[in-house]
């Protein structure tokens, strides 16, 4: 039995409850055992202060990529896992695929012809979107998917875009770090916002 198979299996309902209480799962790259995280500070991208670099705006105007939503969710999450060390285990893929079928996990994809050039995935619960990972096979593909995601979230009246940790890649878009208490306050507000990522019923259990 492999380490992937030995790792404790996740329960989709528990994962949803964890998000609703400020936690998210990551698997150890060697053992694939899952741990739960609630970082302090926490990184978010303010939806009302999203910044798009000028060079990226020019690239978007050229319409190099076609943006699609939820057409190849499993392919996106598997592409995100294709790195030397990954926290995206087979069990993570299984659970998020279940959440996708339930209308809770989503992918935003950049296509060039018949090729998936880049994209991202995350979990949407009421007015909160929890960004998980992104990948690019072609220049700017994941960045353009992110720009489309933010436009889409604003259209759907979302209140929170959680990016968990901050890095140089998302800092250019206006990502900031806030305290855990501030994050939990924003999370509560978002979870009480009546909206959906798509026109499917979402469910958020009260307690973990």
C-alpha atoms as a PDB file:
ATOM      1  CA  UNK A   1       0.000   0.000   0.000  1.00  0.00           C
ATOM      2  CA  UNK A   2       1.408   3.420  -0.960  1.00  0.00           C
ATOM      3  CA  UNK A   3       1.702   6.446   1.308  1.00  0.00           C
ATOM      4  CA  UNK A   4      -1.101   8.033  -0.696  1.00  0.00           C
ATOM      5  CA  UNK A   5      -3.378   5.102   0.098  1.00  0.00           C
ATOM      6  CA  UNK A   6      -2.347   4.990   3.771  1.00  0.00           C
ATOM      7  CA  UNK A   7      -3.174   8.663   4.337  1.00  0.00           C
ATOM      8  CA  UNK A   8      -6.371   9.196   6.269  1.00  0.00           C
ATOM      9  CA  UNK A   9      -9.248   9.832   3.923  1.00  0.00           C
ATOM     10  CA  UNK A  10     -11.007  13.186   4.025  1.00  0.00           C
ATOM     11  CA  UNK A  11     -14.729  13.562   4.454  1.00  0.00           C
ATOM     12  CA  UNK A  12     -16.311  16.142   2.090  1.00  0.00           C
ATOM     13  CA  UNK A  13     -18.823  17.358   4.683  1.00  0.00           C
ATOM     14  CA  UNK A  14     -16.074  17.905   7.227  1.00  0.00           C
ATOM     15  CA  UNK A  15     -14.048  19.862   4.667  1.00  0.00           C
ATOM     16  CA  UNK A  16     -17.012  22.200   4.096  1.00  0.00           C
ATOM     17  CA  UNK A  17     -17.448  22.708   7.840  1.00  0.00           C
ATOM     18  CA  UNK A  18     -13.737  23.445   8.158  1.00  0.00           C
ATOM     19  CA  UNK A  19     -13.918  26.199   5.541  1.00  0.00           C
ATOM     20  CA  UNK A  20     -16.910  27.690   7.324  1.00  0.00           C
ATOM     21  CA  UNK A  21     -14.791  27.927  10.479  1.00  0.00           C
ATOM     22  CA  UNK A  22     -11.649  29.361   8.882  1.00  0.00           C
ATOM     23  CA  UNK A  23      -9.643  26.166   8.256  1.00  0.00           C
ATOM     24  CA  UNK A  24      -8.450  24.403   5.122  1.00  0.00           C
ATOM     25  CA  UNK A  25      -6.644  21.077   4.502  1.00  0.00           C
ATOM     26  CA  UNK A  26      -3.223  20.430   3.004  1.00  0.00           C
ATOM     27  CA  UNK A  27      -1.488  17.075   2.567  1.00  0.00           C
ATOM     28  CA  UNK A  28       2.134  16.466   3.496  1.00  0.00           C
ATOM     29  CA  UNK A  29       4.187  16.113   0.284  1.00  0.00           C
ATOM     30  CA  UNK A  30       5.918  12.948   1.566  1.00  0.00           C
ATOM     31  CA  UNK A  31       3.361  11.102   3.694  1.00  0.00           C
ATOM     32  CA  UNK A  32       0.152  12.608   2.224  1.00  0.00           C
ATOM     33  CA  UNK A  33      -1.221  12.884   5.751  1.00  0.00           C
ATOM     34  CA  UNK A  34      -3.636  15.811   5.926  1.00  0.00           C
ATOM     35  CA  UNK A  35      -3.222  18.700   8.356  1.00  0.00           C
ATOM     36  CA  UNK A  36      -5.565  21.622   8.953  1.00  0.00           C
ATOM     37  CA  UNK A  37      -4.481  25.256   8.728  1.00  0.00           C
ATOM     38  CA  UNK A  38      -5.845  28.614   9.823  1.00  0.00           C
ATOM     39  CA  UNK A  39      -2.907  31.014   9.276  1.00  0.00           C
ATOM     40  CA  UNK A  40      -2.479  34.234  11.180  1.00  0.00           C
ATOM     41  CA  UNK A  41      -2.176  36.561   9.341  1.00  0.00           C
ATOM     42  CA  UNK A  42      -4.420  35.395   6.505  1.00  0.00           C
ATOM     43  CA  UNK A  43      -4.125  36.580   2.905  1.00  0.00           C
ATOM     44  CA  UNK A  44      -7.097  37.857   0.930  1.00  0.00           C
ATOM     45  CA  UNK A  45      -7.617  39.800  -2.279  1.00  0.00           C
ATOM     46  CA  UNK A  46     -10.054  42.670  -1.581  1.00  0.00           C
ATOM     47  CA  UNK A  47     -12.692  42.371  -4.281  1.00  0.00           C
ATOM     48  CA  UNK A  48     -13.240  46.138  -4.288  1.00  0.00           C
ATOM     49  CA  UNK A  49      -9.520  46.911  -4.670  1.00  0.00           C
ATOM     50  CA  UNK A  50      -8.311  44.400  -7.252  1.00  0.00           C
ATOM     51  CA  UNK A  51      -5.322  45.632  -9.251  1.00  0.00           C
ATOM     52  CA  UNK A  52      -4.537  44.455 -12.791  1.00  0.00           C
ATOM     53  CA  UNK A  53      -1.027  45.240 -14.066  1.00  0.00           C
ATOM     54  CA  UNK A  54      -0.992  47.322 -17.263  1.00  0.00           C
ATOM     55  CA  UNK A  55       0.868  44.678 -19.264  1.00  0.00           C
ATOM     56  CA  UNK A  56      -1.752  42.089 -18.304  1.00  0.00           C
ATOM     57  CA  UNK A  57      -4.578  44.414 -19.356  1.00  0.00           C
ATOM     58  CA  UNK A  58      -2.973  44.612 -22.781  1.00  0.00           C
ATOM     59  CA  UNK A  59      -2.721  40.840 -22.944  1.00  0.00           C
ATOM     60  CA  UNK A  60      -6.398  40.471 -21.999  1.00  0.00           C
ATOM     61  CA  UNK A  61      -7.443  42.873 -24.768  1.00  0.00           C
ATOM     62  CA  UNK A  62      -5.782  40.592 -27.313  1.00  0.00           C
ATOM     63  CA  UNK A  63      -8.136  37.770 -26.274  1.00  0.00           C
ATOM     64  CA  UNK A  64      -5.435  35.140 -26.499  1.00  0.00           C
ATOM     65  CA  UNK A  65      -7.414  32.763 -24.291  1.00  0.00           C
ATOM     66  CA  UNK A  66     -11.001  31.633 -24.090  1.00  0.00           C
ATOM     67  CA  UNK A  67     -12.227  31.559 -20.486  1.00  0.00           C
ATOM     68  CA  UNK A  68     -14.439  28.691 -19.413  1.00  0.00           C
ATOM     69  CA  UNK A  69     -15.898  27.764 -16.026  1.00  0.00           C
ATOM     70  CA  UNK A  70     -16.232  24.216 -14.682  1.00  0.00           C
ATOM     71  CA  UNK A  71     -15.620  22.403 -17.970  1.00  0.00           C
ATOM     72  CA  UNK A  72     -12.525  20.439 -16.831  1.00  0.00           C
ATOM     73  CA  UNK A  73     -12.392  20.624 -13.048  1.00  0.00           C
ATOM     74  CA  UNK A  74     -10.434  17.418 -12.426  1.00  0.00           C
ATOM     75  CA  UNK A  75      -7.913  18.243 -15.120  1.00  0.00           C
ATOM     76  CA  UNK A  76      -7.321  21.642 -13.513  1.00  0.00           C
ATOM     77  CA  UNK A  77      -6.748  20.244 -10.031  1.00  0.00           C
ATOM     78  CA  UNK A  78      -4.439  17.542 -11.391  1.00  0.00           C
ATOM     79  CA  UNK A  79      -2.434  20.095 -13.343  1.00  0.00           C
ATOM     80  CA  UNK A  80      -2.135  22.152 -10.157  1.00  0.00           C
ATOM     81  CA  UNK A  81      -0.682  19.088  -8.419  1.00  0.00           C
ATOM     82  CA  UNK A  82       2.022  18.538 -11.050  1.00  0.00           C
ATOM     83  CA  UNK A  83       5.036  19.937  -9.247  1.00  0.00           C
ATOM     84  CA  UNK A  84       8.102  18.532  -7.490  1.00  0.00           C
ATOM     85  CA  UNK A  85       6.410  18.755  -4.092  1.00  0.00           C
ATOM     86  CA  UNK A  86       2.650  19.040  -3.805  1.00  0.00           C
ATOM     87  CA  UNK A  87       0.112  19.255  -1.009  1.00  0.00           C
ATOM     88  CA  UNK A  88      -2.587  18.121  -3.460  1.00  0.00           C
ATOM     89  CA  UNK A  89      -2.808  14.383  -2.773  1.00  0.00           C
ATOM     90  CA  UNK A  90      -5.070  11.870  -4.469  1.00  0.00           C
ATOM     91  CA  UNK A  91      -7.418  12.144  -1.492  1.00  0.00           C
ATOM     92  CA  UNK A  92      -7.543  15.925  -1.892  1.00  0.00           C
ATOM     93  CA  UNK A  93      -8.372  15.433  -5.574  1.00  0.00           C
ATOM     94  CA  UNK A  94     -11.094  12.914  -4.687  1.00  0.00           C
ATOM     95  CA  UNK A  95     -12.763  15.142  -2.105  1.00  0.00           C
ATOM     96  CA  UNK A  96     -12.677  18.315  -4.182  1.00  0.00           C
ATOM     97  CA  UNK A  97     -14.065  16.397  -7.143  1.00  0.00           C
ATOM     98  CA  UNK A  98     -16.974  15.375  -4.908  1.00  0.00           C
ATOM     99  CA  UNK A  99     -17.428  19.008  -3.860  1.00  0.00           C
ATOM    100  CA  UNK A 100     -17.372  19.992  -7.517  1.00  0.00           C
ATOM    101  CA  UNK A 101     -20.199  17.557  -8.253  1.00  0.00           C
ATOM    102  CA  UNK A 102     -22.116  19.108  -5.358  1.00  0.00           C
ATOM    103  CA  UNK A 103     -21.714  22.576  -6.854  1.00  0.00           C
ATOM    104  CA  UNK A 104     -19.247  23.799  -4.211  1.00  0.00           C
ATOM    105  CA  UNK A 105     -15.831  23.514  -5.908  1.00  0.00           C
ATOM    106  CA  UNK A 106     -15.179  25.304  -9.184  1.00  0.00           C
ATOM    107  CA  UNK A 107     -12.539  25.832 -11.826  1.00  0.00           C
ATOM    108  CA  UNK A 108     -11.846  28.864 -13.992  1.00  0.00           C
ATOM    109  CA  UNK A 109      -9.946  27.804 -17.093  1.00  0.00           C
ATOM    110  CA  UNK A 110      -7.921  29.540 -19.813  1.00  0.00           C
ATOM    111  CA  UNK A 111      -8.132  27.664 -23.108  1.00  0.00           C
ATOM    112  CA  UNK A 112      -6.195  28.213 -26.310  1.00  0.00           C
ATOM    113  CA  UNK A 113      -7.940  26.229 -28.997  1.00  0.00           C
ATOM    114  CA  UNK A 114      -8.325  22.689 -27.683  1.00  0.00           C
ATOM    115  CA  UNK A 115      -5.507  23.050 -25.127  1.00  0.00           C
ATOM    116  CA  UNK A 116      -5.970  23.888 -21.453  1.00  0.00           C
ATOM    117  CA  UNK A 117      -3.352  26.602 -21.011  1.00  0.00           C
ATOM    118  CA  UNK A 118      -3.889  27.437 -17.351  1.00  0.00           C
ATOM    119  CA  UNK A 119      -6.440  27.946 -14.649  1.00  0.00           C
ATOM    120  CA  UNK A 120      -7.363  27.855 -10.988  1.00  0.00           C
ATOM    121  CA  UNK A 121      -9.787  26.146  -8.655  1.00  0.00           C
ATOM    122  CA  UNK A 122     -11.372  26.833  -5.316  1.00  0.00           C
ATOM    123  CA  UNK A 123     -14.410  26.382  -3.104  1.00  0.00           C
ATOM    124  CA  UNK A 124     -17.442  28.681  -3.055  1.00  0.00           C
ATOM    125  CA  UNK A 125     -19.786  28.790  -0.064  1.00  0.00           C
ATOM    126  CA  UNK A 126     -22.419  31.526  -0.100  1.00  0.00           C
ATOM    127  CA  UNK A 127     -20.511  34.817  -0.571  1.00  0.00           C
ATOM    128  CA  UNK A 128     -17.039  33.421   0.113  1.00  0.00           C
ATOM    129  CA  UNK A 129     -14.617  32.002  -2.447  1.00  0.00           C
ATOM    130  CA  UNK A 130     -11.630  30.089  -1.097  1.00  0.00           C
ATOM    131  CA  UNK A 131      -8.881  30.040  -3.729  1.00  0.00           C
ATOM    132  CA  UNK A 132      -6.835  26.852  -3.595  1.00  0.00           C
ATOM    133  CA  UNK A 133      -4.285  26.660  -6.406  1.00  0.00           C
ATOM    134  CA  UNK A 134      -3.503  27.739  -9.948  1.00  0.00           C
ATOM    135  CA  UNK A 135      -1.268  26.644 -12.802  1.00  0.00           C
ATOM    136  CA  UNK A 136       0.010  27.936 -16.130  1.00  0.00           C
ATOM    137  CA  UNK A 137       1.262  26.076 -19.159  1.00  0.00           C
ATOM    138  CA  UNK A 138       1.342  29.280 -21.213  1.00  0.00           C
ATOM    139  CA  UNK A 139       2.349  32.796 -20.206  1.00  0.00           C
ATOM    140  CA  UNK A 140      -0.274  34.704 -18.174  1.00  0.00           C
ATOM    141  CA  UNK A 141      -2.901  31.941 -18.498  1.00  0.00           C
ATOM    142  CA  UNK A 142      -3.548  31.598 -14.761  1.00  0.00           C
ATOM    143  CA  UNK A 143      -3.362  35.364 -14.188  1.00  0.00           C
ATOM    144  CA  UNK A 144      -6.039  35.987 -16.800  1.00  0.00           C
ATOM    145  CA  UNK A 145      -8.184  33.269 -15.196  1.00  0.00           C
ATOM    146  CA  UNK A 146      -7.812  35.120 -11.875  1.00  0.00           C
ATOM    147  CA  UNK A 147      -8.889  38.424 -13.438  1.00  0.00           C
ATOM    148  CA  UNK A 148     -11.960  36.700 -14.845  1.00  0.00           C
ATOM    149  CA  UNK A 149     -12.697  35.113 -11.452  1.00  0.00           C
ATOM    150  CA  UNK A 150     -12.651  38.476  -9.669  1.00  0.00           C
ATOM    151  CA  UNK A 151     -14.950  40.036 -12.276  1.00  0.00           C
ATOM    152  CA  UNK A 152     -17.278  37.072 -11.930  1.00  0.00           C
ATOM    153  CA  UNK A 153     -17.296  37.201  -8.106  1.00  0.00           C
ATOM    154  CA  UNK A 154     -18.113  40.899  -8.151  1.00  0.00           C
ATOM    155  CA  UNK A 155     -20.954  40.268 -10.581  1.00  0.00           C
ATOM    156  CA  UNK A 156     -22.339  37.614  -8.230  1.00  0.00           C
ATOM    157  CA  UNK A 157     -21.983  39.919  -5.174  1.00  0.00           C
ATOM    158  CA  UNK A 158     -19.343  37.870  -3.369  1.00  0.00           C
ATOM    159  CA  UNK A 159     -17.781  39.444  -0.276  1.00  0.00           C
ATOM    160  CA  UNK A 160     -14.581  37.453   0.264  1.00  0.00           C
ATOM    161  CA  UNK A 161     -11.762  36.072  -1.909  1.00  0.00           C
ATOM    162  CA  UNK A 162      -9.502  34.074   0.391  1.00  0.00           C
ATOM    163  CA  UNK A 163      -6.004  33.272  -0.907  1.00  0.00           C
ATOM    164  CA  UNK A 164      -4.748  31.757   2.380  1.00  0.00           C
ATOM    165  CA  UNK A 165      -1.087  32.825   2.067  1.00  0.00           C
ATOM    166  CA  UNK A 166       0.528  35.758   0.326  1.00  0.00           C
ATOM    167  CA  UNK A 167       3.236  35.538  -2.307  1.00  0.00           C
ATOM    168  CA  UNK A 168       4.747  37.707  -5.026  1.00  0.00           C
ATOM    169  CA  UNK A 169       2.399  36.265  -7.634  1.00  0.00           C
ATOM    170  CA  UNK A 170      -0.803  37.493  -5.956  1.00  0.00           C
ATOM    171  CA  UNK A 171       0.684  40.589  -4.301  1.00  0.00           C
ATOM    172  CA  UNK A 172       0.691  42.330  -7.681  1.00  0.00           C
ATOM    173  CA  UNK A 173      -3.106  42.034  -7.716  1.00  0.00           C
ATOM    174  CA  UNK A 174      -3.545  43.824  -4.398  1.00  0.00           C
ATOM    175  CA  UNK A 175      -3.491  40.858  -2.023  1.00  0.00           C
ATOM    176  CA  UNK A 176      -3.097  41.844   1.618  1.00  0.00           C
ATOM    177  CA  UNK A 177      -2.630  40.099   4.938  1.00  0.00           C
ATOM    178  CA  UNK A 178      -5.129  40.574   7.736  1.00  0.00           C
ATOM    179  CA  UNK A 179      -5.370  39.203  11.257  1.00  0.00           C
ATOM    180  CA  UNK A 180      -7.232  35.978  11.934  1.00  0.00           C
ATOM    181  CA  UNK A 181      -9.893  37.863  13.896  1.00  0.00           C
ATOM    182  CA  UNK A 182     -10.453  40.257  10.988  1.00  0.00           C
ATOM    183  CA  UNK A 183     -10.590  37.333   8.601  1.00  0.00           C
ATOM    184  CA  UNK A 184     -13.166  35.484  10.678  1.00  0.00           C
ATOM    185  CA  UNK A 185     -15.303  38.607  10.772  1.00  0.00           C
ATOM    186  CA  UNK A 186     -15.166  38.921   6.971  1.00  0.00           C
ATOM    187  CA  UNK A 187     -15.823  35.201   6.639  1.00  0.00           C
ATOM    188  CA  UNK A 188     -18.946  35.403   8.802  1.00  0.00           C
ATOM    189  CA  UNK A 189     -20.246  38.320   6.751  1.00  0.00           C
ATOM    190  CA  UNK A 190     -19.584  36.449   3.500  1.00  0.00           C
ATOM    191  CA  UNK A 191     -21.232  33.247   4.701  1.00  0.00           C
ATOM    192  CA  UNK A 192     -24.363  35.219   5.561  1.00  0.00           C
ATOM    193  CA  UNK A 193     -24.465  36.748   2.079  1.00  0.00           C
ATOM    194  CA  UNK A 194     -27.145  35.115  -0.009  1.00  0.00           C
ATOM    195  CA  UNK A 195     -25.504  34.436  -3.337  1.00  0.00           C
ATOM    196  CA  UNK A 196     -24.147  31.464  -5.270  1.00  0.00           C
ATOM    197  CA  UNK A 197     -21.220  30.899  -7.583  1.00  0.00           C
ATOM    198  CA  UNK A 198     -23.583  29.251 -10.015  1.00  0.00           C
ATOM    199  CA  UNK A 199     -27.317  28.678  -9.885  1.00  0.00           C
ATOM    200  CA  UNK A 200     -27.125  25.616  -7.646  1.00  0.00           C
ATOM    201  CA  UNK A 201     -28.010  25.313  -3.936  1.00  0.00           C
ATOM    202  CA  UNK A 202     -25.036  25.592  -1.579  1.00  0.00           C
ATOM    203  CA  UNK A 203     -25.072  24.426   2.013  1.00  0.00           C
ATOM    204  CA  UNK A 204     -22.885  25.576   4.879  1.00  0.00           C
ATOM    205  CA  UNK A 205     -23.084  23.644   8.177  1.00  0.00           C
ATOM    206  CA  UNK A 206     -23.052  25.815  11.277  1.00  0.00           C
ATOM    207  CA  UNK A 207     -20.266  24.289  13.332  1.00  0.00           C
ATOM    208  CA  UNK A 208     -17.118  22.213  12.830  1.00  0.00           C
END
